[in-house]
Amino acid sequence: MKKFIIFVSGMFVLLVGIVLVLSNIDFNRLAKDNAYVQITKPTSVEEMKLDSGEIMTTYWYTLPAYHEDGRMIEVEFSASKELREEAYLMLYLTNEDNVTSYDEVTYEVYQRAVGGGA
């Protein structure tokens, strides 16, 4: 009986640990390439009316982005709110130009990453 309780307790702790780890990992950023971009005005704005009557707005951006090795690529990505103009973003990419996520970074981080590329 004692071994059974220890086994069940161990399995419970293991299960809780797995759930905590999986809930805190952002798979959109895991093992992705990075590129850096400076935000300008949105390229286009889409508005979609939901069945509830609420209007959902999507802001689309098409911008040049720079890898740390200085290569320039053109990326297209969307945001659910208008991004701050002149902000610097680190993009998380798959397949060279597919943006899965982004984080705002400082100008210093942007300059260190792209050097003279931008």
PDB file of N, CA and C in Angstrom:
ATOM      1  N   MET A   1       0.827  -1.196   0.000  1.00  0.00           N
ATOM      2  CA  MET A   1       0.000   0.000   0.000  1.00  0.00           C
ATOM      3  C   MET A   1       0.871   1.259   0.000  1.00  0.00           C
ATOM      4  N   LYS A   2       1.945   1.235   0.775  1.00  0.00           N
ATOM      5  CA  LYS A   2       2.838   2.384   0.865  1.00  0.00           C
ATOM      6  C   LYS A   2       3.497   2.657  -0.490  1.00  0.00           C
ATOM      7  N   LYS A   3       3.907   1.586  -1.191  1.00  0.00           N
ATOM      8  CA  LYS A   3       4.527   1.740  -2.508  1.00  0.00           C
ATOM      9  C   LYS A   3       3.532   2.322  -3.511  1.00  0.00           C
ATOM     10  N   PHE A   4       2.280   1.914  -3.404  1.00  0.00           N
ATOM     11  CA  PHE A   4       1.244   2.420  -4.304  1.00  0.00           C
ATOM     12  C   PHE A   4       1.043   3.921  -4.106  1.00  0.00           C
ATOM     13  N   ILE A   5       0.993   4.365  -2.870  1.00  0.00           N
ATOM     14  CA  ILE A   5       0.815   5.793  -2.568  1.00  0.00           C
ATOM     15  C   ILE A   5       2.010   6.590  -3.080  1.00  0.00           C
ATOM     16  N   ILE A   6       3.218   6.058  -2.893  1.00  0.00           N
ATOM     17  CA  ILE A   6       4.418   6.733  -3.398  1.00  0.00           C
ATOM     18  C   ILE A   6       4.375   6.812  -4.922  1.00  0.00           C
ATOM     19  N   PHE A   7       3.963   5.717  -5.570  1.00  0.00           N
ATOM     20  CA  PHE A   7       3.871   5.688  -7.030  1.00  0.00           C
ATOM     21  C   PHE A   7       2.854   6.712  -7.539  1.00  0.00           C
ATOM     22  N   VAL A   8       1.662   6.725  -6.952  1.00  0.00           N
ATOM     23  CA  VAL A   8       0.613   7.667  -7.369  1.00  0.00           C
ATOM     24  C   VAL A   8       1.062   9.103  -7.115  1.00  0.00           C
ATOM     25  N   SER A   9       1.696   9.360  -5.984  1.00  0.00           N
ATOM     26  CA  SER A   9       2.192  10.708  -5.682  1.00  0.00           C
ATOM     27  C   SER A   9       3.255  11.133  -6.689  1.00  0.00           C
ATOM     28  N   GLY A  10       4.157  10.222  -7.018  1.00  0.00           N
ATOM     29  CA  GLY A  10       5.194  10.518  -8.008  1.00  0.00           C
ATOM     30  C   GLY A  10       4.607  10.818  -9.373  1.00  0.00           C
ATOM     31  N   MET A  11       3.618  10.036  -9.787  1.00  0.00           N
ATOM     32  CA  MET A  11       2.969  10.271 -11.082  1.00  0.00           C
ATOM     33  C   MET A  11       2.242  11.619 -11.093  1.00  0.00           C
ATOM     34  N   PHE A  12       1.614  11.979  -9.967  1.00  0.00           N
ATOM     35  CA  PHE A  12       0.919  13.257  -9.872  1.00  0.00           C
ATOM     36  C   PHE A  12       1.906  14.415  -9.999  1.00  0.00           C
ATOM     37  N   VAL A  13       3.023  14.327  -9.290  1.00  0.00           N
ATOM     38  CA  VAL A  13       4.050  15.371  -9.358  1.00  0.00           C
ATOM     39  C   VAL A  13       4.597  15.473 -10.777  1.00  0.00           C
ATOM     40  N   LEU A  14       4.847  14.339 -11.414  1.00  0.00           N
ATOM     41  CA  LEU A  14       5.343  14.328 -12.791  1.00  0.00           C
ATOM     42  C   LEU A  14       4.333  14.967 -13.743  1.00  0.00           C
ATOM     43  N   LEU A  15       3.066  14.628 -13.592  1.00  0.00           N
ATOM     44  CA  LEU A  15       2.020  15.192 -14.448  1.00  0.00           C
ATOM     45  C   LEU A  15       1.904  16.704 -14.261  1.00  0.00           C
ATOM     46  N   VAL A  16       1.927  17.165 -13.021  1.00  0.00           N
ATOM     47  CA  VAL A  16       1.865  18.608 -12.747  1.00  0.00           C
ATOM     48  C   VAL A  16       3.078  19.303 -13.353  1.00  0.00           C
ATOM     49  N   GLY A  17       4.254  18.700 -13.225  1.00  0.00           N
ATOM     50  CA  GLY A  17       5.466  19.280 -13.814  1.00  0.00           C
ATOM     51  C   GLY A  17       5.368  19.395 -15.322  1.00  0.00           C
ATOM     52  N   ILE A  18       4.871  18.358 -15.977  1.00  0.00           N
ATOM     53  CA  ILE A  18       4.717  18.388 -17.438  1.00  0.00           C
ATOM     54  C   ILE A  18       3.741  19.480 -17.851  1.00  0.00           C
ATOM     55  N   VAL A  19       2.623  19.592 -17.150  1.00  0.00           N
ATOM     56  CA  VAL A  19       1.628  20.625 -17.472  1.00  0.00           C
ATOM     57  C   VAL A  19       2.224  22.016 -17.296  1.00  0.00           C
ATOM     58  N   LEU A  20       2.968  22.244 -16.231  1.00  0.00           N
ATOM     59  CA  LEU A  20       3.582  23.556 -16.006  1.00  0.00           C
ATOM     60  C   LEU A  20       4.600  23.895 -17.086  1.00  0.00           C
ATOM     61  N   VAL A  21       5.426  22.939 -17.465  1.00  0.00           N
ATOM     62  CA  VAL A  21       6.429  23.185 -18.502  1.00  0.00           C
ATOM     63  C   VAL A  21       5.751  23.494 -19.833  1.00  0.00           C
ATOM     64  N   LEU A  22       4.770  22.689 -20.216  1.00  0.00           N
ATOM     65  CA  LEU A  22       4.104  22.898 -21.505  1.00  0.00           C
ATOM     66  C   LEU A  22       3.302  24.198 -21.548  1.00  0.00           C
ATOM     67  N   SER A  23       2.775  24.629 -20.414  1.00  0.00           N
ATOM     68  CA  SER A  23       1.996  25.870 -20.412  1.00  0.00           C
ATOM     69  C   SER A  23       2.882  27.113 -20.460  1.00  0.00           C
ATOM     70  N   ASN A  24       4.169  26.971 -20.119  1.00  0.00           N
ATOM     71  CA  ASN A  24       5.069  28.121 -20.110  1.00  0.00           C
ATOM     72  C   ASN A  24       5.981  28.208 -21.317  1.00  0.00           C
ATOM     73  N   ILE A  25       5.971  27.218 -22.184  1.00  0.00           N
ATOM     74  CA  ILE A  25       6.811  27.246 -23.379  1.00  0.00           C
ATOM     75  C   ILE A  25       6.017  27.873 -24.514  1.00  0.00           C
ATOM     76  N   ASP A  26       6.607  28.847 -25.179  1.00  0.00           N
ATOM     77  CA  ASP A  26       5.978  29.476 -26.339  1.00  0.00           C
ATOM     78  C   ASP A  26       6.548  28.817 -27.591  1.00  0.00           C
ATOM     79  N   PHE A  27       5.782  27.895 -28.162  1.00  0.00           N
ATOM     80  CA  PHE A  27       6.262  27.139 -29.313  1.00  0.00           C
ATOM     81  C   PHE A  27       6.409  28.005 -30.562  1.00  0.00           C
ATOM     82  N   ASN A  28       5.800  29.200 -30.580  1.00  0.00           N
ATOM     83  CA  ASN A  28       5.970  30.114 -31.712  1.00  0.00           C
ATOM     84  C   ASN A  28       7.368  30.727 -31.736  1.00  0.00           C
ATOM     85  N   ARG A  29       8.096  30.628 -30.632  1.00  0.00           N
ATOM     86  CA  ARG A  29       9.426  31.242 -30.548  1.00  0.00           C
ATOM     87  C   ARG A  29      10.542  30.214 -30.410  1.00  0.00           C
ATOM     88  N   LEU A  30      10.193  28.973 -30.196  1.00  0.00           N
ATOM     89  CA  LEU A  30      11.169  27.922 -29.933  1.00  0.00           C
ATOM     90  C   LEU A  30      11.903  27.524 -31.206  1.00  0.00           C
ATOM     91  N   ALA A  31      13.228  27.596 -31.183  1.00  0.00           N
ATOM     92  CA  ALA A  31      14.101  27.169 -32.294  1.00  0.00           C
ATOM     93  C   ALA A  31      13.766  27.881 -33.603  1.00  0.00           C
ATOM     94  N   LYS A  32      13.570  29.174 -33.546  1.00  0.00           N
ATOM     95  CA  LYS A  32      13.254  29.960 -34.740  1.00  0.00           C
ATOM     96  C   LYS A  32      14.429  30.870 -35.088  1.00  0.00           C
ATOM     97  N   ASP A  33      14.510  31.248 -36.370  1.00  0.00           N
ATOM     98  CA  ASP A  33      15.475  32.253 -36.796  1.00  0.00           C
ATOM     99  C   ASP A  33      14.950  33.624 -36.387  1.00  0.00           C
ATOM    100  N   ASN A  34      15.844  34.600 -36.315  1.00  0.00           N
ATOM    101  CA  ASN A  34      15.438  35.961 -35.968  1.00  0.00           C
ATOM    102  C   ASN A  34      15.808  36.927 -37.075  1.00  0.00           C
ATOM    103  N   ALA A  35      14.986  37.956 -37.226  1.00  0.00           N
ATOM    104  CA  ALA A  35      15.291  39.085 -38.094  1.00  0.00           C
ATOM    105  C   ALA A  35      14.773  40.322 -37.374  1.00  0.00           C
ATOM    106  N   TYR A  36      15.277  41.475 -37.768  1.00  0.00           N
ATOM    107  CA  TYR A  36      14.949  42.721 -37.075  1.00  0.00           C
ATOM    108  C   TYR A  36      14.338  43.700 -38.055  1.00  0.00           C
ATOM    109  N   VAL A  37      13.370  44.481 -37.568  1.00  0.00           N
ATOM    110  CA  VAL A  37      12.630  45.385 -38.437  1.00  0.00           C
ATOM    111  C   VAL A  37      12.281  46.653 -37.665  1.00  0.00           C
ATOM    112  N   GLN A  38      12.166  47.765 -38.401  1.00  0.00           N
ATOM    113  CA  GLN A  38      11.676  49.013 -37.820  1.00  0.00           C
ATOM    114  C   GLN A  38      10.272  49.238 -38.367  1.00  0.00           C
ATOM    115  N   ILE A  39       9.332  49.505 -37.485  1.00  0.00           N
ATOM    116  CA  ILE A  39       7.921  49.620 -37.856  1.00  0.00           C
ATOM    117  C   ILE A  39       7.632  50.970 -38.504  1.00  0.00           C
ATOM    118  N   THR A  40       6.836  50.917 -39.565  1.00  0.00           N
ATOM    119  CA  THR A  40       6.289  52.120 -40.200  1.00  0.00           C
ATOM    120  C   THR A  40       4.768  51.996 -40.146  1.00  0.00           C
ATOM    121  N   LYS A  41       4.077  52.759 -40.949  1.00  0.00           N
ATOM    122  CA  LYS A  41       2.617  52.657 -40.980  1.00  0.00           C
ATOM    123  C   LYS A  41       2.206  51.292 -41.536  1.00  0.00           C
ATOM    124  N   PRO A  42       1.033  50.780 -41.129  1.00  0.00           N
ATOM    125  CA  PRO A  42       0.567  49.501 -41.681  1.00  0.00           C
ATOM    126  C   PRO A  42       0.394  49.591 -43.199  1.00  0.00           C
ATOM    127  N   THR A  43       0.703  48.502 -43.889  1.00  0.00           N
ATOM    128  CA  THR A  43       0.516  48.445 -45.336  1.00  0.00           C
ATOM    129  C   THR A  43      -0.967  48.421 -45.673  1.00  0.00           C
ATOM    130  N   SER A  44      -1.743  47.677 -44.878  1.00  0.00           N
ATOM    131  CA  SER A  44      -3.193  47.632 -45.073  1.00  0.00           C
ATOM    132  C   SER A  44      -3.872  47.317 -43.746  1.00  0.00           C
ATOM    133  N   VAL A  45      -5.152  47.634 -43.682  1.00  0.00           N
ATOM    134  CA  VAL A  45      -5.954  47.381 -42.491  1.00  0.00           C
ATOM    135  C   VAL A  45      -7.204  46.634 -42.934  1.00  0.00           C
ATOM    136  N   GLU A  46      -7.473  45.488 -42.287  1.00  0.00           N
ATOM    137  CA  GLU A  46      -8.667  44.701 -42.598  1.00  0.00           C
ATOM    138  C   GLU A  46      -9.614  44.758 -41.410  1.00  0.00           C
ATOM    139  N   GLU A  47     -10.881  44.959 -41.703  1.00  0.00           N
ATOM    140  CA  GLU A  47     -11.892  44.908 -40.654  1.00  0.00           C
ATOM    141  C   GLU A  47     -12.868  43.797 -40.991  1.00  0.00           C
ATOM    142  N   MET A  48     -13.155  42.954 -39.993  1.00  0.00           N
ATOM    143  CA  MET A  48     -14.070  41.843 -40.192  1.00  0.00           C
ATOM    144  C   MET A  48     -15.135  41.906 -39.104  1.00  0.00           C
ATOM    145  N   LYS A  49     -16.396  41.836 -39.512  1.00  0.00           N
ATOM    146  CA  LYS A  49     -17.485  41.879 -38.553  1.00  0.00           C
ATOM    147  C   LYS A  49     -17.808  40.458 -38.108  1.00  0.00           C
ATOM    148  N   LEU A  50     -17.733  40.224 -36.810  1.00  0.00           N
ATOM    149  CA  LEU A  50     -18.023  38.915 -36.246  1.00  0.00           C
ATOM    150  C   LEU A  50     -19.527  38.718 -36.129  1.00  0.00           C
ATOM    151  N   ASP A  51     -19.953  37.476 -35.930  1.00  0.00           N
ATOM    152  CA  ASP A  51     -21.379  37.175 -35.784  1.00  0.00           C
ATOM    153  C   ASP A  51     -21.999  37.925 -34.613  1.00  0.00           C
ATOM    154  N   SER A  52     -21.191  38.228 -33.603  1.00  0.00           N
ATOM    155  CA  SER A  52     -21.687  38.948 -32.434  1.00  0.00           C
ATOM    156  C   SER A  52     -21.881  40.442 -32.709  1.00  0.00           C
ATOM    157  N   GLY A  53     -21.442  40.903 -33.899  1.00  0.00           N
ATOM    158  CA  GLY A  53     -21.544  42.313 -34.238  1.00  0.00           C
ATOM    159  C   GLY A  53     -20.270  43.087 -33.959  1.00  0.00           C
ATOM    160  N   GLU A  54     -19.355  42.476 -33.232  1.00  0.00           N
ATOM    161  CA  GLU A  54     -18.082  43.112 -32.910  1.00  0.00           C
ATOM    162  C   GLU A  54     -17.212  43.177 -34.166  1.00  0.00           C
ATOM    163  N   ILE A  55     -16.467  44.260 -34.309  1.00  0.00           N
ATOM    164  CA  ILE A  55     -15.580  44.421 -35.459  1.00  0.00           C
ATOM    165  C   ILE A  55     -14.156  44.095 -35.028  1.00  0.00           C
ATOM    166  N   MET A  56     -13.541  43.149 -35.750  1.00  0.00           N
ATOM    167  CA  MET A  56     -12.164  42.747 -35.470  1.00  0.00           C
ATOM    168  C   MET A  56     -11.262  43.393 -36.513  1.00  0.00           C
ATOM    169  N   THR A  57     -10.245  44.110 -36.054  1.00  0.00           N
ATOM    170  CA  THR A  57      -9.335  44.814 -36.953  1.00  0.00           C
ATOM    171  C   THR A  57      -7.988  44.106 -36.977  1.00  0.00           C
ATOM    172  N   THR A  58      -7.455  43.900 -38.182  1.00  0.00           N
ATOM    173  CA  THR A  58      -6.132  43.308 -38.365  1.00  0.00           C
ATOM    174  C   THR A  58      -5.272  44.291 -39.140  1.00  0.00           C
ATOM    175  N   TYR A  59      -4.097  44.579 -38.610  1.00  0.00           N
ATOM    176  CA  TYR A  59      -3.148  45.490 -39.251  1.00  0.00           C
ATOM    177  C   TYR A  59      -2.064  44.653 -39.923  1.00  0.00           C
ATOM    178  N   TRP A  60      -1.869  44.851 -41.224  1.00  0.00           N
ATOM    179  CA  TRP A  60      -0.877  44.105 -41.995  1.00  0.00           C
ATOM    180  C   TRP A  60       0.325  44.990 -42.280  1.00  0.00           C
ATOM    181  N   TYR A  61       1.506  44.424 -42.107  1.00  0.00           N
ATOM    182  CA  TYR A  61       2.764  45.129 -42.350  1.00  0.00           C
ATOM    183  C   TYR A  61       3.594  44.342 -43.361  1.00  0.00           C
ATOM    184  N   THR A  62       4.118  45.027 -44.368  1.00  0.00           N
ATOM    185  CA  THR A  62       5.085  44.455 -45.306  1.00  0.00           C
ATOM    186  C   THR A  62       6.311  45.352 -45.245  1.00  0.00           C
ATOM    187  N   LEU A  63       7.409  44.805 -44.712  1.00  0.00           N
ATOM    188  CA  LEU A  63       8.582  45.626 -44.413  1.00  0.00           C
ATOM    189  C   LEU A  63       9.874  44.872 -44.721  1.00  0.00           C
ATOM    190  N   PRO A  64      10.960  45.609 -44.960  1.00  0.00           N
ATOM    191  CA  PRO A  64      12.265  44.948 -45.054  1.00  0.00           C
ATOM    192  C   PRO A  64      12.749  44.592 -43.645  1.00  0.00           C
ATOM    193  N   ALA A  65      13.269  43.388 -43.509  1.00  0.00           N
ATOM    194  CA  ALA A  65      13.817  42.933 -42.229  1.00  0.00           C
ATOM    195  C   ALA A  65      15.248  42.473 -42.464  1.00  0.00           C
ATOM    196  N   TYR A  66      16.047  42.525 -41.418  1.00  0.00           N
ATOM    197  CA  TYR A  66      17.472  42.216 -41.544  1.00  0.00           C
ATOM    198  C   TYR A  66      17.874  41.099 -40.593  1.00  0.00           C
ATOM    199  N   HIS A  67      18.566  40.096 -41.148  1.00  0.00           N
ATOM    200  CA  HIS A  67      19.154  39.038 -40.333  1.00  0.00           C
ATOM    201  C   HIS A  67      20.416  39.585 -39.677  1.00  0.00           C
ATOM    202  N   GLU A  68      20.911  38.868 -38.686  1.00  0.00           N
ATOM    203  CA  GLU A  68      22.125  39.312 -37.994  1.00  0.00           C
ATOM    204  C   GLU A  68      23.343  39.312 -38.906  1.00  0.00           C
ATOM    205  N   ASP A  69      23.305  38.521 -39.984  1.00  0.00           N
ATOM    206  CA  ASP A  69      24.433  38.511 -40.925  1.00  0.00           C
ATOM    207  C   ASP A  69      24.316  39.616 -41.976  1.00  0.00           C
ATOM    208  N   GLY A  70      23.288  40.475 -41.851  1.00  0.00           N
ATOM    209  CA  GLY A  70      23.134  41.612 -42.747  1.00  0.00           C
ATOM    210  C   GLY A  70      22.225  41.377 -43.944  1.00  0.00           C
ATOM    211  N   ARG A  71      21.816  40.118 -44.163  1.00  0.00           N
ATOM    212  CA  ARG A  71      20.920  39.844 -45.292  1.00  0.00           C
ATOM    213  C   ARG A  71      19.573  40.523 -45.076  1.00  0.00           C
ATOM    214  N   MET A  72      19.037  41.103 -46.153  1.00  0.00           N
ATOM    215  CA  MET A  72      17.736  41.750 -46.090  1.00  0.00           C
ATOM    216  C   MET A  72      16.706  40.830 -46.726  1.00  0.00           C
ATOM    217  N   ILE A  73      15.551  40.703 -46.077  1.00  0.00           N
ATOM    218  CA  ILE A  73      14.422  39.968 -46.636  1.00  0.00           C
ATOM    219  C   ILE A  73      13.182  40.830 -46.474  1.00  0.00           C
ATOM    220  N   GLU A  74      12.170  40.561 -47.259  1.00  0.00           N
ATOM    221  CA  GLU A  74      10.897  41.258 -47.089  1.00  0.00           C
ATOM    222  C   GLU A  74       9.954  40.317 -46.354  1.00  0.00           C
ATOM    223  N   VAL A  75       9.343  40.826 -45.293  1.00  0.00           N
ATOM    224  CA  VAL A  75       8.424  40.015 -44.500  1.00  0.00           C
ATOM    225  C   VAL A  75       7.048  40.662 -44.486  1.00  0.00           C
ATOM    226  N   GLU A  76       6.038  39.809 -44.348  1.00  0.00           N
ATOM    227  CA  GLU A  76       4.671  40.283 -44.187  1.00  0.00           C
ATOM    228  C   GLU A  76       4.122  39.618 -42.935  1.00  0.00           C
ATOM    229  N   PHE A  77       3.542  40.427 -42.051  1.00  0.00           N
ATOM    230  CA  PHE A  77       2.964  39.883 -40.830  1.00  0.00           C
ATOM    231  C   PHE A  77       1.816  40.768 -40.388  1.00  0.00           C
ATOM    232  N   SER A  78       1.017  40.244 -39.471  1.00  0.00           N
ATOM    233  CA  SER A  78      -0.150  40.984 -39.002  1.00  0.00           C
ATOM    234  C   SER A  78      -0.080  41.179 -37.495  1.00  0.00           C
ATOM    235  N   ALA A  79      -0.864  42.137 -37.031  1.00  0.00           N
ATOM    236  CA  ALA A  79      -0.991  42.408 -35.600  1.00  0.00           C
ATOM    237  C   ALA A  79      -2.446  42.760 -35.320  1.00  0.00           C
ATOM    238  N   SER A  80      -2.902  42.442 -34.129  1.00  0.00           N
ATOM    239  CA  SER A  80      -4.291  42.729 -33.777  1.00  0.00           C
ATOM    240  C   SER A  80      -4.483  44.171 -33.316  1.00  0.00           C
ATOM    241  N   LYS A  81      -3.372  44.882 -33.111  1.00  0.00           N
ATOM    242  CA  LYS A  81      -3.448  46.308 -32.787  1.00  0.00           C
ATOM    243  C   LYS A  81      -2.381  47.014 -33.619  1.00  0.00           C
ATOM    244  N   GLU A  82      -2.553  48.302 -33.828  1.00  0.00           N
ATOM    245  CA  GLU A  82      -1.571  49.051 -34.605  1.00  0.00           C
ATOM    246  C   GLU A  82      -0.289  49.178 -33.791  1.00  0.00           C
ATOM    247  N   LEU A  83       0.816  48.794 -34.402  1.00  0.00           N
ATOM    248  CA  LEU A  83       2.102  48.847 -33.720  1.00  0.00           C
ATOM    249  C   LEU A  83       2.644  50.275 -33.716  1.00  0.00           C
ATOM    250  N   ARG A  84       3.416  50.576 -32.703  1.00  0.00           N
ATOM    251  CA  ARG A  84       3.967  51.920 -32.538  1.00  0.00           C
ATOM    252  C   ARG A  84       4.958  52.215 -33.663  1.00  0.00           C
ATOM    253  N   GLU A  85       4.719  53.326 -34.377  1.00  0.00           N
ATOM    254  CA  GLU A  85       5.639  53.719 -35.451  1.00  0.00           C
ATOM    255  C   GLU A  85       7.021  53.981 -34.888  1.00  0.00           C
ATOM    256  N   GLU A  86       8.028  53.632 -35.663  1.00  0.00           N
ATOM    257  CA  GLU A  86       9.443  53.789 -35.326  1.00  0.00           C
ATOM    258  C   GLU A  86       9.919  52.781 -34.278  1.00  0.00           C
ATOM    259  N   ALA A  87       9.050  51.862 -33.837  1.00  0.00           N
ATOM    260  CA  ALA A  87       9.474  50.829 -32.889  1.00  0.00           C
ATOM    261  C   ALA A  87      10.352  49.814 -33.612  1.00  0.00           C
ATOM    262  N   TYR A  88      11.219  49.156 -32.864  1.00  0.00           N
ATOM    263  CA  TYR A  88      12.090  48.114 -33.411  1.00  0.00           C
ATOM    264  C   TYR A  88      11.613  46.768 -32.888  1.00  0.00           C
ATOM    265  N   LEU A  89      11.492  45.797 -33.791  1.00  0.00           N
ATOM    266  CA  LEU A  89      11.025  44.469 -33.412  1.00  0.00           C
ATOM    267  C   LEU A  89      12.047  43.408 -33.772  1.00  0.00           C
ATOM    268  N   MET A  90      12.131  42.394 -32.926  1.00  0.00           N
ATOM    269  CA  MET A  90      12.842  41.172 -33.269  1.00  0.00           C
ATOM    270  C   MET A  90      11.763  40.175 -33.681  1.00  0.00           C
ATOM    271  N   LEU A  91      11.839  39.706 -34.919  1.00  0.00           N
ATOM    272  CA  LEU A  91      10.858  38.774 -35.453  1.00  0.00           C
ATOM    273  C   LEU A  91      11.351  37.345 -35.282  1.00  0.00           C
ATOM    274  N   TYR A  92      10.435  36.438 -35.021  1.00  0.00           N
ATOM    275  CA  TYR A  92      10.735  35.006 -34.979  1.00  0.00           C
ATOM    276  C   TYR A  92      10.210  34.412 -36.281  1.00  0.00           C
ATOM    277  N   LEU A  93      11.094  33.742 -37.031  1.00  0.00           N
ATOM    278  CA  LEU A  93      10.770  33.304 -38.387  1.00  0.00           C
ATOM    279  C   LEU A  93      10.895  31.798 -38.561  1.00  0.00           C
ATOM    280  N   THR A  94      10.020  31.263 -39.414  1.00  0.00           N
ATOM    281  CA  THR A  94      10.182  29.912 -39.943  1.00  0.00           C
ATOM    282  C   THR A  94      10.204  30.045 -41.457  1.00  0.00           C
ATOM    283  N   ASN A  95      10.820  29.102 -42.122  1.00  0.00           N
ATOM    284  CA  ASN A  95      10.889  29.108 -43.592  1.00  0.00           C
ATOM    285  C   ASN A  95      11.379  30.440 -44.140  1.00  0.00           C
ATOM    286  N   GLU A  96      12.372  31.013 -43.494  1.00  0.00           N
ATOM    287  CA  GLU A  96      13.065  32.230 -43.933  1.00  0.00           C
ATOM    288  C   GLU A  96      12.261  33.513 -43.760  1.00  0.00           C
ATOM    289  N   ASP A  97      10.953  33.530 -44.072  1.00  0.00           N
ATOM    290  CA  ASP A  97      10.226  34.801 -44.007  1.00  0.00           C
ATOM    291  C   ASP A  97       8.820  34.689 -43.417  1.00  0.00           C
ATOM    292  N   ASN A  98       8.485  33.585 -42.796  1.00  0.00           N
ATOM    293  CA  ASN A  98       7.174  33.408 -42.180  1.00  0.00           C
ATOM    294  C   ASN A  98       7.258  33.822 -40.707  1.00  0.00           C
ATOM    295  N   VAL A  99       6.646  34.951 -40.365  1.00  0.00           N
ATOM    296  CA  VAL A  99       6.725  35.498 -39.005  1.00  0.00           C
ATOM    297  C   VAL A  99       5.738  34.759 -38.105  1.00  0.00           C
ATOM    298  N   THR A 100       6.256  34.168 -37.018  1.00  0.00           N
ATOM    299  CA  THR A 100       5.391  33.461 -36.073  1.00  0.00           C
ATOM    300  C   THR A 100       5.135  34.272 -34.808  1.00  0.00           C
ATOM    301  N   SER A 101       6.041  35.199 -34.486  1.00  0.00           N
ATOM    302  CA  SER A 101       5.898  36.017 -33.287  1.00  0.00           C
ATOM    303  C   SER A 101       6.888  37.173 -33.366  1.00  0.00           C
ATOM    304  N   TYR A 102       6.783  38.109 -32.429  1.00  0.00           N
ATOM    305  CA  TYR A 102       7.732  39.227 -32.391  1.00  0.00           C
ATOM    306  C   TYR A 102       7.809  39.798 -30.986  1.00  0.00           C
ATOM    307  N   ASP A 103       8.931  40.447 -30.706  1.00  0.00           N
ATOM    308  CA  ASP A 103       9.145  41.170 -29.449  1.00  0.00           C
ATOM    309  C   ASP A 103       9.694  42.541 -29.788  1.00  0.00           C
ATOM    310  N   GLU A 104       9.269  43.571 -29.041  1.00  0.00           N
ATOM    311  CA  GLU A 104       9.866  44.890 -29.231  1.00  0.00           C
ATOM    312  C   GLU A 104      11.237  44.906 -28.565  1.00  0.00           C
ATOM    313  N   VAL A 105      12.208  45.514 -29.248  1.00  0.00           N
ATOM    314  CA  VAL A 105      13.567  45.638 -28.714  1.00  0.00           C
ATOM    315  C   VAL A 105      13.973  47.107 -28.770  1.00  0.00           C
ATOM    316  N   THR A 106      15.044  47.441 -28.077  1.00  0.00           N
ATOM    317  CA  THR A 106      15.546  48.814 -28.089  1.00  0.00           C
ATOM    318  C   THR A 106      16.356  49.063 -29.361  1.00  0.00           C
ATOM    319  N   TYR A 107      16.604  50.326 -29.638  1.00  0.00           N
ATOM    320  CA  TYR A 107      17.426  50.694 -30.791  1.00  0.00           C
ATOM    321  C   TYR A 107      18.818  50.095 -30.664  1.00  0.00           C
ATOM    322  N   GLU A 108      19.360  50.069 -29.453  1.00  0.00           N
ATOM    323  CA  GLU A 108      20.703  49.532 -29.234  1.00  0.00           C
ATOM    324  C   GLU A 108      20.768  48.049 -29.600  1.00  0.00           C
ATOM    325  N   VAL A 109      19.756  47.284 -29.204  1.00  0.00           N
ATOM    326  CA  VAL A 109      19.710  45.855 -29.544  1.00  0.00           C
ATOM    327  C   VAL A 109      19.596  45.691 -31.053  1.00  0.00           C
ATOM    328  N   TYR A 110      18.745  46.507 -31.671  1.00  0.00           N
ATOM    329  CA  TYR A 110      18.571  46.474 -33.131  1.00  0.00           C
ATOM    330  C   TYR A 110      19.899  46.760 -33.834  1.00  0.00           C
ATOM    331  N   GLN A 111      20.589  47.816 -33.424  1.00  0.00           N
ATOM    332  CA  GLN A 111      21.870  48.192 -34.047  1.00  0.00           C
ATOM    333  C   GLN A 111      22.931  47.118 -33.846  1.00  0.00           C
ATOM    334  N   ARG A 112      23.001  46.558 -32.636  1.00  0.00           N
ATOM    335  CA  ARG A 112      23.972  45.493 -32.369  1.00  0.00           C
ATOM    336  C   ARG A 112      23.706  44.282 -33.257  1.00  0.00           C
ATOM    337  N   ALA A 113      22.435  43.976 -33.474  1.00  0.00           N
ATOM    338  CA  ALA A 113      22.075  42.783 -34.243  1.00  0.00           C
ATOM    339  C   ALA A 113      22.325  42.959 -35.733  1.00  0.00           C
ATOM    340  N   VAL A 114      21.925  44.096 -36.290  1.00  0.00           N
ATOM    341  CA  VAL A 114      22.031  44.268 -37.747  1.00  0.00           C
ATOM    342  C   VAL A 114      23.274  45.031 -38.157  1.00  0.00           C
ATOM    343  N   GLY A 115      23.933  45.673 -37.208  1.00  0.00           N
ATOM    344  CA  GLY A 115      25.146  46.425 -37.535  1.00  0.00           C
ATOM    345  C   GLY A 115      24.854  47.499 -38.560  1.00  0.00           C
ATOM    346  N   GLY A 116      25.598  47.507 -39.633  1.00  0.00           N
ATOM    347  CA  GLY A 116      25.408  48.507 -40.678  1.00  0.00           C
ATOM    348  C   GLY A 116      24.440  48.061 -41.748  1.00  0.00           C
ATOM    349  N   GLY A 117      23.764  46.910 -41.558  1.00  0.00           N
ATOM    350  CA  GLY A 117      22.879  46.384 -42.593  1.00  0.00           C
ATOM    351  C   GLY A 117      21.661  47.231 -42.860  1.00  0.00           C
ATOM    352  N   ALA A 118      21.151  47.909 -41.838  1.00  0.00           N
ATOM    353  CA  ALA A 118      19.909  48.659 -42.025  1.00  0.00           C
ATOM    354  C   ALA A 118      20.176  50.106 -42.333  1.00  0.00           C
TER     355      ALA A 118
END
